[in-house]
Structures are given as C-alpha cells and as structure tokens.
C-alpha atoms as a PDB file:
ATOM      1  CA  MET A   1     101.279  79.976 133.674  1.00  0.00           C
ATOM      2  CA  LYS A   2     102.985  82.907 131.960  1.00  0.00           C
ATOM      3  CA  LYS A   3     103.616  83.013 128.227  1.00  0.00           C
ATOM      4  CA  PRO A   4     105.817  85.435 126.274  1.00  0.00           C
ATOM      5  CA  PHE A   5     104.368  88.055 123.976  1.00  0.00           C
ATOM      6  CA  LYS A   6     105.668  90.919 121.887  1.00  0.00           C
ATOM      7  CA  LEU A   7     104.104  93.887 120.139  1.00  0.00           C
ATOM      8  CA  ILE A   8     105.727  94.081 116.720  1.00  0.00           C
ATOM      9  CA  GLN A   9     105.344  96.829 114.135  1.00  0.00           C
ATOM     10  CA  VAL A  10     105.770  95.520 110.585  1.00  0.00           C
ATOM     11  CA  PHE A  11     106.026  96.999 107.085  1.00  0.00           C
ATOM     12  CA  ASP A  12     107.265 100.187 108.700  1.00  0.00           C
ATOM     13  CA  ASP A  13     109.959 102.597 107.513  1.00  0.00           C
ATOM     14  CA  PRO A  14     111.349 104.578 110.460  1.00  0.00           C
ATOM     15  CA  ALA A  15     113.451 106.883 108.281  1.00  0.00           C
ATOM     16  CA  ALA A  16     110.378 107.958 106.299  1.00  0.00           C
ATOM     17  CA  GLY A  17     108.089 108.114 109.351  1.00  0.00           C
ATOM     18  CA  TYR A  18     106.028 105.121 108.159  1.00  0.00           C
ATOM     19  CA  ARG A  19     104.682 103.314 111.227  1.00  0.00           C
ATOM     20  CA  GLY A  20     103.294 100.224 109.516  1.00  0.00           C
ATOM     21  CA  ASN A  21     100.902  97.890 111.316  1.00  0.00           C
ATOM     22  CA  ILE A  22     101.070  96.332 114.783  1.00  0.00           C
ATOM     23  CA  SER A  23     100.403  92.765 115.843  1.00  0.00           C
ATOM     24  CA  ALA A  24     100.685  91.244 119.267  1.00  0.00           C
ATOM     25  CA  VAL A  25     102.317  87.811 119.005  1.00  0.00           C
ATOM     26  CA  ILE A  26     101.886  85.156 121.713  1.00  0.00           C
ATOM     27  CA  LEU A  27     103.515  81.714 121.854  1.00  0.00           C
ATOM     28  CA  LEU A  28     101.422  79.051 123.636  1.00  0.00           C
ATOM     29  CA  ASP A  29     101.871  75.340 124.298  1.00  0.00           C
ATOM     30  CA  LYS A  30      98.627  74.681 122.416  1.00  0.00           C
ATOM     31  CA  LEU A  31      95.843  76.811 120.997  1.00  0.00           C
ATOM     32  CA  PRO A  32      92.842  77.119 123.334  1.00  0.00           C
ATOM     33  CA  PRO A  33      89.242  77.484 122.103  1.00  0.00           C
ATOM     34  CA  ALA A  34      88.314  80.471 119.974  1.00  0.00           C
ATOM     35  CA  ASP A  35      86.357  82.236 122.717  1.00  0.00           C
ATOM     36  CA  ILE A  36      89.467  82.388 124.902  1.00  0.00           C
ATOM     37  CA  LEU A  37      91.618  83.617 122.030  1.00  0.00           C
ATOM     38  CA  GLN A  38      89.022  86.276 121.253  1.00  0.00           C
ATOM     39  CA  ARG A  39      88.996  87.537 124.851  1.00  0.00           C
ATOM     40  CA  ILE A  40      92.779  87.826 124.864  1.00  0.00           C
ATOM     41  CA  ALA A  41      92.785  89.647 121.514  1.00  0.00           C
ATOM     42  CA  SER A  42      90.093  92.025 122.738  1.00  0.00           C
ATOM     43  CA  ASP A  43      92.228  92.849 125.776  1.00  0.00           C
ATOM     44  CA  PHE A  44      95.315  93.478 123.646  1.00  0.00           C
ATOM     45  CA  ALA A  45      93.174  95.739 121.405  1.00  0.00           C
ATOM     46  CA  GLN A  46      95.659  95.649 118.517  1.00  0.00           C
ATOM     47  CA  PRO A  47      94.717  95.422 114.824  1.00  0.00           C
ATOM     48  CA  ALA A  48      95.691  91.743 115.100  1.00  0.00           C
ATOM     49  CA  THR A  49      96.795  89.338 117.791  1.00  0.00           C
ATOM     50  CA  THR A  50      98.719  86.365 116.426  1.00  0.00           C
ATOM     51  CA  PHE A  51      98.558  83.137 118.436  1.00  0.00           C
ATOM     52  CA  LEU A  52     101.224  80.480 117.817  1.00  0.00           C
ATOM     53  CA  ALA A  53     101.651  76.921 119.084  1.00  0.00           C
ATOM     54  CA  PRO A  54     104.042  74.123 118.079  1.00  0.00           C
ATOM     55  CA  ALA A  55     102.677  71.939 115.262  1.00  0.00           C
ATOM     56  CA  GLY A  56     104.713  68.827 116.063  1.00  0.00           C
ATOM     57  CA  GLN A  57     107.416  69.360 113.440  1.00  0.00           C
ATOM     58  CA  GLN A  58     110.544  71.466 113.815  1.00  0.00           C
ATOM     59  CA  ASN A  59     109.913  75.138 112.983  1.00  0.00           C
ATOM     60  CA  HIS A  60     106.259  74.434 112.126  1.00  0.00           C
ATOM     61  CA  PHE A  61     103.598  76.297 114.094  1.00  0.00           C
ATOM     62  CA  LEU A  62      99.839  76.410 114.223  1.00  0.00           C
ATOM     63  CA  VAL A  63      98.545  79.956 113.905  1.00  0.00           C
ATOM     64  CA  ARG A  64      95.302  81.831 114.407  1.00  0.00           C
ATOM     65  CA  TRP A  65      94.757  85.558 114.079  1.00  0.00           C
ATOM     66  CA  PHE A  66      92.157  87.653 115.870  1.00  0.00           C
ATOM     67  CA  ALA A  67      91.141  91.292 115.647  1.00  0.00           C
ATOM     68  CA  PRO A  68      89.478  92.772 118.741  1.00  0.00           C
ATOM     69  CA  ASP A  69      86.056  92.005 117.234  1.00  0.00           C
ATOM     70  CA  GLY A  70      86.550  88.739 115.343  1.00  0.00           C
ATOM     71  CA  GLU A  71      88.811  86.090 113.860  1.00  0.00           C
ATOM     72  CA  ILE A  72      90.852  86.880 110.723  1.00  0.00           C
ATOM     73  CA  ASP A  73      91.034  84.209 108.010  1.00  0.00           C
ATOM     74  CA  LEU A  74      94.445  85.316 106.696  1.00  0.00           C
ATOM     75  CA  CYS A  75      96.603  88.026 108.268  1.00  0.00           C
ATOM     76  CA  GLY A  76      99.742  88.966 106.377  1.00  0.00           C
ATOM     77  CA  HIS A  77     101.014  91.545 108.826  1.00  0.00           C
ATOM     78  CA  GLY A  78     100.409  89.154 111.718  1.00  0.00           C
ATOM     79  CA  SER A  79     102.411  86.506 109.845  1.00  0.00           C
ATOM     80  CA  SER A  80     105.245  88.952 109.251  1.00  0.00           C
ATOM     81  CA  ALA A  81     105.238  89.792 112.964  1.00  0.00           C
ATOM     82  CA  ALA A  82     105.274  86.071 113.795  1.00  0.00           C
ATOM     83  CA  MET A  83     108.522  85.651 111.852  1.00  0.00           C
ATOM     84  CA  ALA A  84     110.131  88.437 113.873  1.00  0.00           C
ATOM     85  CA  PHE A  85     108.922  86.847 117.117  1.00  0.00           C
ATOM     86  CA  LEU A  86     110.108  83.331 116.231  1.00  0.00           C
ATOM     87  CA  ASN A  87     113.492  84.601 115.097  1.00  0.00           C
ATOM     88  CA  GLN A  88     114.129  85.816 118.636  1.00  0.00           C
ATOM     89  CA  GLU A  89     113.852  82.218 119.862  1.00  0.00           C
ATOM     90  CA  TRP A  90     115.298  80.323 116.857  1.00  0.00           C
ATOM     91  CA  PRO A  91     117.530  82.691 114.850  1.00  0.00           C
ATOM     92  CA  ASP A  92     118.414  82.142 111.203  1.00  0.00           C
ATOM     93  CA  GLU A  93     115.677  79.614 110.552  1.00  0.00           C
ATOM     94  CA  GLU A  94     112.760  79.395 108.131  1.00  0.00           C
ATOM     95  CA  TYR A  95     109.364  78.946 109.736  1.00  0.00           C
ATOM     96  CA  THR A  96     106.087  77.469 108.497  1.00  0.00           C
ATOM     97  CA  LEU A  97     102.719  78.678 109.769  1.00  0.00           C
ATOM     98  CA  ARG A  98      99.744  76.356 109.360  1.00  0.00           C
ATOM     99  CA  TYR A  99      96.261  77.872 109.307  1.00  0.00           C
ATOM    100  CA  THR A 100      92.825  76.670 108.242  1.00  0.00           C
ATOM    101  CA  GLY A 101      93.337  77.899 104.660  1.00  0.00           C
ATOM    102  CA  GLY A 102      96.758  76.314 104.121  1.00  0.00           C
ATOM    103  CA  GLU A 103     100.260  77.282 105.147  1.00  0.00           C
ATOM    104  CA  LEU A 104     102.799  80.012 104.559  1.00  0.00           C
ATOM    105  CA  THR A 105     106.513  80.296 105.174  1.00  0.00           C
ATOM    106  CA  GLY A 106     108.882  83.042 106.199  1.00  0.00           C
ATOM    107  CA  LYS A 107     112.161  84.094 107.735  1.00  0.00           C
ATOM    108  CA  ILE A 108     114.170  87.112 108.847  1.00  0.00           C
ATOM    109  CA  GLU A 109     116.825  88.727 106.654  1.00  0.00           C
ATOM    110  CA  ASN A 110     119.544  91.160 107.757  1.00  0.00           C
ATOM    111  CA  GLY A 111     118.216  91.266 111.304  1.00  0.00           C
ATOM    112  CA  ASP A 112     115.260  93.595 110.731  1.00  0.00           C
ATOM    113  CA  ILE A 113     113.580  92.521 107.467  1.00  0.00           C
ATOM    114  CA  SER A 114     110.701  90.051 107.680  1.00  0.00           C
ATOM    115  CA  LEU A 115     109.945  87.945 104.610  1.00  0.00           C
ATOM    116  CA  ILE A 116     106.788  85.898 104.121  1.00  0.00           C
ATOM    117  CA  SER A 117     105.761  83.732 101.172  1.00  0.00           C
ATOM    118  CA  LEU A 118     102.066  83.142 100.681  1.00  0.00           C
ATOM    119  CA  ALA A 119      99.756  81.983  97.932  1.00  0.00           C
ATOM    120  CA  GLU A 120      98.702  84.607  95.417  1.00  0.00           C
ATOM    121  CA  ILE A 121      95.058  85.658  95.552  1.00  0.00           C
ATOM    122  CA  PRO A 122      93.930  85.867  91.914  1.00  0.00           C
ATOM    123  CA  VAL A 123      91.287  87.994  90.252  1.00  0.00           C
ATOM    124  CA  LEU A 124      88.148  85.932  89.648  1.00  0.00           C
ATOM    125  CA  LYS A 125      86.150  88.308  87.470  1.00  0.00           C
ATOM    126  CA  GLU A 126      85.624  91.949  86.584  1.00  0.00           C
ATOM    127  CA  LEU A 127      82.463  93.554  87.960  1.00  0.00           C
ATOM    128  CA  PRO A 128      80.447  96.646  87.062  1.00  0.00           C
ATOM    129  CA  VAL A 129      80.834  99.710  89.265  1.00  0.00           C
ATOM    130  CA  ASP A 130      77.557 100.438  91.025  1.00  0.00           C
ATOM    131  CA  GLN A 131      76.334 103.680  92.551  1.00  0.00           C
ATOM    132  CA  ALA A 132      76.982 102.609  96.142  1.00  0.00           C
ATOM    133  CA  LEU A 133      80.638 101.972  95.366  1.00  0.00           C
ATOM    134  CA  LYS A 134      80.990 105.270  93.505  1.00  0.00           C
ATOM    135  CA  GLU A 135      79.418 107.224  96.349  1.00  0.00           C
ATOM    136  CA  GLY A 136      81.218 105.205  99.023  1.00  0.00           C
ATOM    137  CA  LEU A 137      84.662 106.019  97.652  1.00  0.00           C
ATOM    138  CA  GLY A 138      83.926 109.450  96.189  1.00  0.00           C
ATOM    139  CA  VAL A 139      86.751 109.301  93.607  1.00  0.00           C
ATOM    140  CA  PRO A 140      86.800 108.300  89.915  1.00  0.00           C
ATOM    141  CA  ILE A 141      86.977 104.514  89.479  1.00  0.00           C
ATOM    142  CA  ILE A 142      88.713 102.971  86.458  1.00  0.00           C
ATOM    143  CA  GLY A 143      87.918  99.313  87.159  1.00  0.00           C
ATOM    144  CA  TYR A 144      86.595  96.883  89.735  1.00  0.00           C
ATOM    145  CA  TRP A 145      87.507  93.183  90.174  1.00  0.00           C
ATOM    146  CA  HIS A 146      86.340  90.446  92.532  1.00  0.00           C
ATOM    147  CA  THR A 147      88.658  88.085  94.430  1.00  0.00           C
ATOM    148  CA  LYS A 148      88.015  85.525  97.161  1.00  0.00           C
ATOM    149  CA  ASN A 149      89.536  87.933  99.703  1.00  0.00           C
ATOM    150  CA  LYS A 150      89.176  91.673  99.107  1.00  0.00           C
ATOM    151  CA  ASP A 151      87.940  93.233  95.883  1.00  0.00           C
ATOM    152  CA  ILE A 152      90.309  95.387  93.828  1.00  0.00           C
ATOM    153  CA  VAL A 153      89.270  98.934  92.979  1.00  0.00           C
ATOM    154  CA  LEU A 154      91.527 100.763  90.524  1.00  0.00           C
ATOM    155  CA  VAL A 155      91.340 104.541  90.817  1.00  0.00           C
ATOM    156  CA  ASN A 156      92.638 107.290  88.595  1.00  0.00           C
ATOM    157  CA  SER A 157      95.702 108.512  90.490  1.00  0.00           C
ATOM    158  CA  GLU A 158      97.818 108.293  93.608  1.00  0.00           C
ATOM    159  CA  ILE A 159      96.583 111.773  94.542  1.00  0.00           C
ATOM    160  CA  ASP A 160      92.951 110.637  94.375  1.00  0.00           C
ATOM    161  CA  LEU A 161      93.846 107.630  96.493  1.00  0.00           C
ATOM    162  CA  ALA A 162      95.620 109.718  99.145  1.00  0.00           C
ATOM    163  CA  ASN A 163      92.808 112.286  99.304  1.00  0.00           C
ATOM    164  CA  MET A 164      89.969 109.725  99.283  1.00  0.00           C
ATOM    165  CA  LYS A 165      87.549 110.163 102.194  1.00  0.00           C
ATOM    166  CA  PRO A 166      85.433 107.004 102.188  1.00  0.00           C
ATOM    167  CA  ASP A 167      81.785 107.100 103.211  1.00  0.00           C
ATOM    168  CA  PHE A 168      81.768 103.905 105.261  1.00  0.00           C
ATOM    169  CA  ASN A 169      78.031 104.100 105.874  1.00  0.00           C
ATOM    170  CA  ARG A 170      77.457 104.034 102.118  1.00  0.00           C
ATOM    171  CA  LEU A 171      79.967 101.197 101.646  1.00  0.00           C
ATOM    172  CA  ARG A 172      78.057  99.190 104.244  1.00  0.00           C
ATOM    173  CA  ASP A 173      75.107  99.214 101.837  1.00  0.00           C
ATOM    174  CA  ARG A 174      77.160  96.663  99.892  1.00  0.00           C
ATOM    175  CA  LYS A 175      77.862  93.154 101.210  1.00  0.00           C
ATOM    176  CA  THR A 176      81.525  93.165 100.140  1.00  0.00           C
ATOM    177  CA  PHE A 177      83.804  92.625 103.159  1.00  0.00           C
ATOM    178  CA  GLY A 178      86.814  94.637 102.001  1.00  0.00           C
ATOM    179  CA  TYR A 179      88.432  96.644  99.221  1.00  0.00           C
ATOM    180  CA  ALA A 180      92.049  96.968  98.096  1.00  0.00           C
ATOM    181  CA  VAL A 181      91.846 100.400  96.480  1.00  0.00           C
ATOM    182  CA  THR A 182      94.903 101.050  94.341  1.00  0.00           C
ATOM    183  CA  ALA A 183      96.610 103.323  91.822  1.00  0.00           C
ATOM    184  CA  LYS A 184      99.910 103.562  89.985  1.00  0.00           C
ATOM    185  CA  ALA A 185     102.405 105.569  92.044  1.00  0.00           C
ATOM    186  CA  GLU A 186     105.166 108.083  91.373  1.00  0.00           C
ATOM    187  CA  ASN A 187     108.090 106.960  93.556  1.00  0.00           C
ATOM    188  CA  VAL A 188     107.167 103.264  93.834  1.00  0.00           C
ATOM    189  CA  ASP A 189     105.292 100.960  91.492  1.00  0.00           C
ATOM    190  CA  PHE A 190     101.855 101.146  93.109  1.00  0.00           C
ATOM    191  CA  ALA A 191     100.025 102.541  96.102  1.00  0.00           C
ATOM    192  CA  SER A 192      96.955 101.271  97.907  1.00  0.00           C
ATOM    193  CA  ARG A 193      94.557 101.621 100.804  1.00  0.00           C
ATOM    194  CA  THR A 194      92.602  98.778 102.411  1.00  0.00           C
ATOM    195  CA  LEU A 195      89.028  99.495 103.503  1.00  0.00           C
ATOM    196  CA  VAL A 196      87.005  97.086 105.652  1.00  0.00           C
ATOM    197  CA  PRO A 197      83.672  98.848 106.268  1.00  0.00           C
ATOM    198  CA  HIS A 198      81.914  95.996 108.086  1.00  0.00           C
ATOM    199  CA  VAL A 199      84.336  95.783 111.039  1.00  0.00           C
ATOM    200  CA  SER A 200      85.296  98.325 113.658  1.00  0.00           C
ATOM    201  CA  GLN A 201      88.745  99.081 112.220  1.00  0.00           C
ATOM    202  CA  LEU A 202      87.323 100.507 108.941  1.00  0.00           C
ATOM    203  CA  GLU A 203      90.768 101.063 107.364  1.00  0.00           C
ATOM    204  CA  ASP A 204      93.700  98.705 107.777  1.00  0.00           C
ATOM    205  CA  GLN A 205      97.142 100.212 108.111  1.00  0.00           C
ATOM    206  CA  ALA A 206      99.609  97.903 106.289  1.00  0.00           C
ATOM    207  CA  THR A 207      97.971  94.812 104.855  1.00  0.00           C
ATOM    208  CA  GLY A 208      99.863  91.715 103.742  1.00  0.00           C
ATOM    209  CA  SER A 209      96.816  89.922 102.348  1.00  0.00           C
ATOM    210  CA  SER A 210      95.981  92.918 100.145  1.00  0.00           C
ATOM    211  CA  HIS A 211      99.449  92.721  98.617  1.00  0.00           C
ATOM    212  CA  ALA A 212      98.959  89.012  97.889  1.00  0.00           C
ATOM    213  CA  ILE A 213      96.148  90.348  95.672  1.00  0.00           C
ATOM    214  CA  LEU A 214      97.793  93.500  94.346  1.00  0.00           C
ATOM    215  CA  ALA A 215     101.291  92.195  93.564  1.00  0.00           C
ATOM    216  CA  PRO A 216     100.013  89.745  90.874  1.00  0.00           C
ATOM    217  CA  PHE A 217      97.509  92.330  89.622  1.00  0.00           C
ATOM    218  CA  TRP A 218     100.182  94.989  89.082  1.00  0.00           C
ATOM    219  CA  ALA A 219     102.845  92.518  87.917  1.00  0.00           C
ATOM    220  CA  LYS A 220     100.611  91.526  85.024  1.00  0.00           C
ATOM    221  CA  ARG A 221      99.727  95.145  84.187  1.00  0.00           C
ATOM    222  CA  MET A 222     103.329  96.384  84.400  1.00  0.00           C
ATOM    223  CA  GLY A 223     105.087  93.368  82.898  1.00  0.00           C
ATOM    224  CA  LYS A 224     107.485  92.773  85.794  1.00  0.00           C
ATOM    225  CA  ASN A 225     107.481  90.543  88.848  1.00  0.00           C
ATOM    226  CA  GLN A 226     109.467  92.620  91.343  1.00  0.00           C
ATOM    227  CA  LEU A 227     107.553  95.617  92.636  1.00  0.00           C
ATOM    228  CA  THR A 228     107.669  98.196  95.391  1.00  0.00           C
ATOM    229  CA  ALA A 229     104.560  99.545  97.053  1.00  0.00           C
ATOM    230  CA  VAL A 230     103.281 101.893  99.730  1.00  0.00           C
ATOM    231  CA  GLN A 231     100.027 101.785 101.667  1.00  0.00           C
ATOM    232  CA  LEU A 232      98.653 105.287 102.158  1.00  0.00           C
ATOM    233  CA  SER A 233      96.864 104.670 105.450  1.00  0.00           C
ATOM    234  CA  PRO A 234      97.214 107.093 108.387  1.00  0.00           C
ATOM    235  CA  ARG A 235     100.232 105.082 109.668  1.00  0.00           C
ATOM    236  CA  LYS A 236     101.549 104.269 106.154  1.00  0.00           C
ATOM    237  CA  GLY A 237     103.367 101.085 105.166  1.00  0.00           C
ATOM    238  CA  ARG A 238     106.109 100.059 102.748  1.00  0.00           C
ATOM    239  CA  PHE A 239     106.383  96.725 100.888  1.00  0.00           C
ATOM    240  CA  SER A 240     108.773  94.955  98.556  1.00  0.00           C
ATOM    241  CA  CYS A 241     106.898  92.353  96.510  1.00  0.00           C
ATOM    242  CA  ILE A 242     108.068  89.471  94.347  1.00  0.00           C
ATOM    243  CA  TYR A 243     105.457  87.645  92.299  1.00  0.00           C
ATOM    244  CA  LYS A 244     106.289  84.045  91.343  1.00  0.00           C
ATOM    245  CA  PRO A 245     103.664  83.080  88.749  1.00  0.00           C
ATOM    246  CA  VAL A 246     104.883  79.511  88.204  1.00  0.00           C
ATOM    247  CA  GLU A 247     104.636  78.718  91.911  1.00  0.00           C
ATOM    248  CA  GLY A 248     101.541  80.875  92.389  1.00  0.00           C
ATOM    249  CA  GLN A 249     103.312  82.605  95.262  1.00  0.00           C
ATOM    250  CA  VAL A 250     103.905  86.155  96.460  1.00  0.00           C
ATOM    251  CA  GLN A 251     106.887  87.113  98.610  1.00  0.00           C
ATOM    252  CA  LEU A 252     106.458  90.169 100.783  1.00  0.00           C
ATOM    253  CA  LYS A 253     109.366  91.862 102.505  1.00  0.00           C
ATOM    254  CA  GLY A 254     109.231  94.678 105.015  1.00  0.00           C
ATOM    255  CA  HIS A 255     111.109  96.238 107.897  1.00  0.00           C
ATOM    256  CA  PHE A 256     109.945  95.487 111.438  1.00  0.00           C
ATOM    257  CA  SER A 257     110.405  97.011 114.886  1.00  0.00           C
ATOM    258  CA  ILE A 258     109.762  95.263 118.204  1.00  0.00           C
ATOM    259  CA  ILE A 259     108.066  97.904 120.331  1.00  0.00           C
ATOM    260  CA  ALA A 260     107.185  95.964 123.509  1.00  0.00           C
ATOM    261  CA  SER A 261     107.789  92.611 125.204  1.00  0.00           C
ATOM    262  CA  GLY A 262     106.171  90.972 128.195  1.00  0.00           C
ATOM    263  CA  GLN A 263     104.543  87.969 129.814  1.00  0.00           C
ATOM    264  CA  LEU A 264     100.860  87.108 129.561  1.00  0.00           C
ATOM    265  CA  ASN A 265      99.566  85.714 132.866  1.00  0.00           C
ATOM    266  CA  LEU A 266      97.127  82.924 132.035  1.00  0.00           C
ATOM    267  CA  GLU A 267      96.717  81.996 135.712  1.00  0.00           C
ATOM    268  CA  SER A 268      94.912  85.192 136.601  1.00  0.00           C
ATOM    269  CA  GLY A 269      91.439  83.780 135.937  1.00  0.00           C
ATOM    270  CA  ASN A 270      90.726  86.401 133.297  1.00  0.00           C
ATOM    271  CA  TYR A 271      90.520  83.809 130.522  1.00  0.00           C
END
C-alpha cells in the first residue's frame, strides 16, 4: 500500500531568502497507532510530519502531528502545509482539521498563500522574571507572561532578539516547555523567536502556534488587529496575522512552496 506525501515549506518568502518551516504531509485511509506514526515521523526527520485521514464529512480530516522525537499537541506550520497538500487534491475548497484539542480551518488563496484560522491562545497571567530565565536568554527582559502553550517573553529590541544566543542548558533548569520571545520590529509590526529547550529541535523555524499567542498580544498593545510579523530563526519566516477578538480566532497567512513529492510504501514491513 503506497500513500502520497509531500514536503512543503510554509511561511517562507523566496524573494527575501526566508525559507520558513518544513512539514511532511501524508494522507492515509485512517490514522494508525501513535507508535507507527512516530516511527514514520522519525524516518522523515522533518520539524513536523502531518498525518491526515478522512473524518467522515466532506473536506473534514483527522490530523496528528509528530516531531522526530514526540507528538505535537498543536502545529500551526503543519496545518498550513496540510492546506497546501489538500488543495492539490481538492482545489478551491475550505478544509477542517480535527485534532484532540479542537479543530481549525483553512484554505489556499491566489495559488501559493496558505491561510489557517485557529483559536487564539490568551495570556493567563504575568510572571516574575527569575535568574534562570535571565541567564538562559542573556538579553534584557521587559516582561514575562504565561499561556497554556508557550510563555511570552518581551525583550527590549529587535536587535537584541536577533543577536540573542540562548543558553539552552540554563533554560532546561526551568520546567517551561517553550518560549515565544518577541520584540517590536522596524519593518513589520513585531518579530519573534520560538525556543523549545526540552526537545531536540531547540529553536523552531516558523511557528504558527506562537503567532496564535503573539498576534492577540501585540494587537492589544498596538491597538490594531491586522499585523505583519517575522520570525528571526536561522531559516526565517514571514506571517500576516488577523486577530478576531469577538470570535476568539487568529488568521495566519503565509506563502508556501512544495519542495518534494512522493509515495510512502507502507507494505515494506518497516512500520
């Protein structure tokens, strides 16, 4: 049994040299157990592998996301890549992805722009800045807030953010899974970097879930609901964000590029 897959680069900007983030996307008849999905994702060795299967309703799909070393609760860039994949099979449609935490929707615009709509991730409370966080980031920190996903760290400037050299060993002294480190930017509204010290990746490249946190955060600080953003990772990413406070939703738009296509052989005995 062979199933189609694609490697899709999302939130990229080819003209600016921004390479975004890559997800493998695989369409299956049904989702097998997690251990099989994990083995496949480990073999693909991409930041995320997105597994899709029909959910029994037109244009609705079950989804699970796996990094090479574990399952991902919510993967924005994998969802964006899923829209690009599905549009190859069912053009000009809107798609719904169902995952354990809820569902999100998306579609393709203008042939190469992926749009996803997902629930905002709100700030829960402000926290004090401890010594481990100060030493782990090594740049001046203005504020620190907790969310149910990644914590927000506001730093002094875009330059500090770009030059930040995290001490991941020191950050591992804290139990926090991840950080959306951010600053106001010059040529866009805000910039960020996503640090995940407790997994092998350490720094994510272009992170949809972080922008479901940061778009509402910056919208409220800046007094506007349409924002542009860049992620200053080694590959760099570019985002257009629309915050819809009444619906509690964030729309993320970004360019995508399909960089490889193939067939996954599930009859080989490897899985």
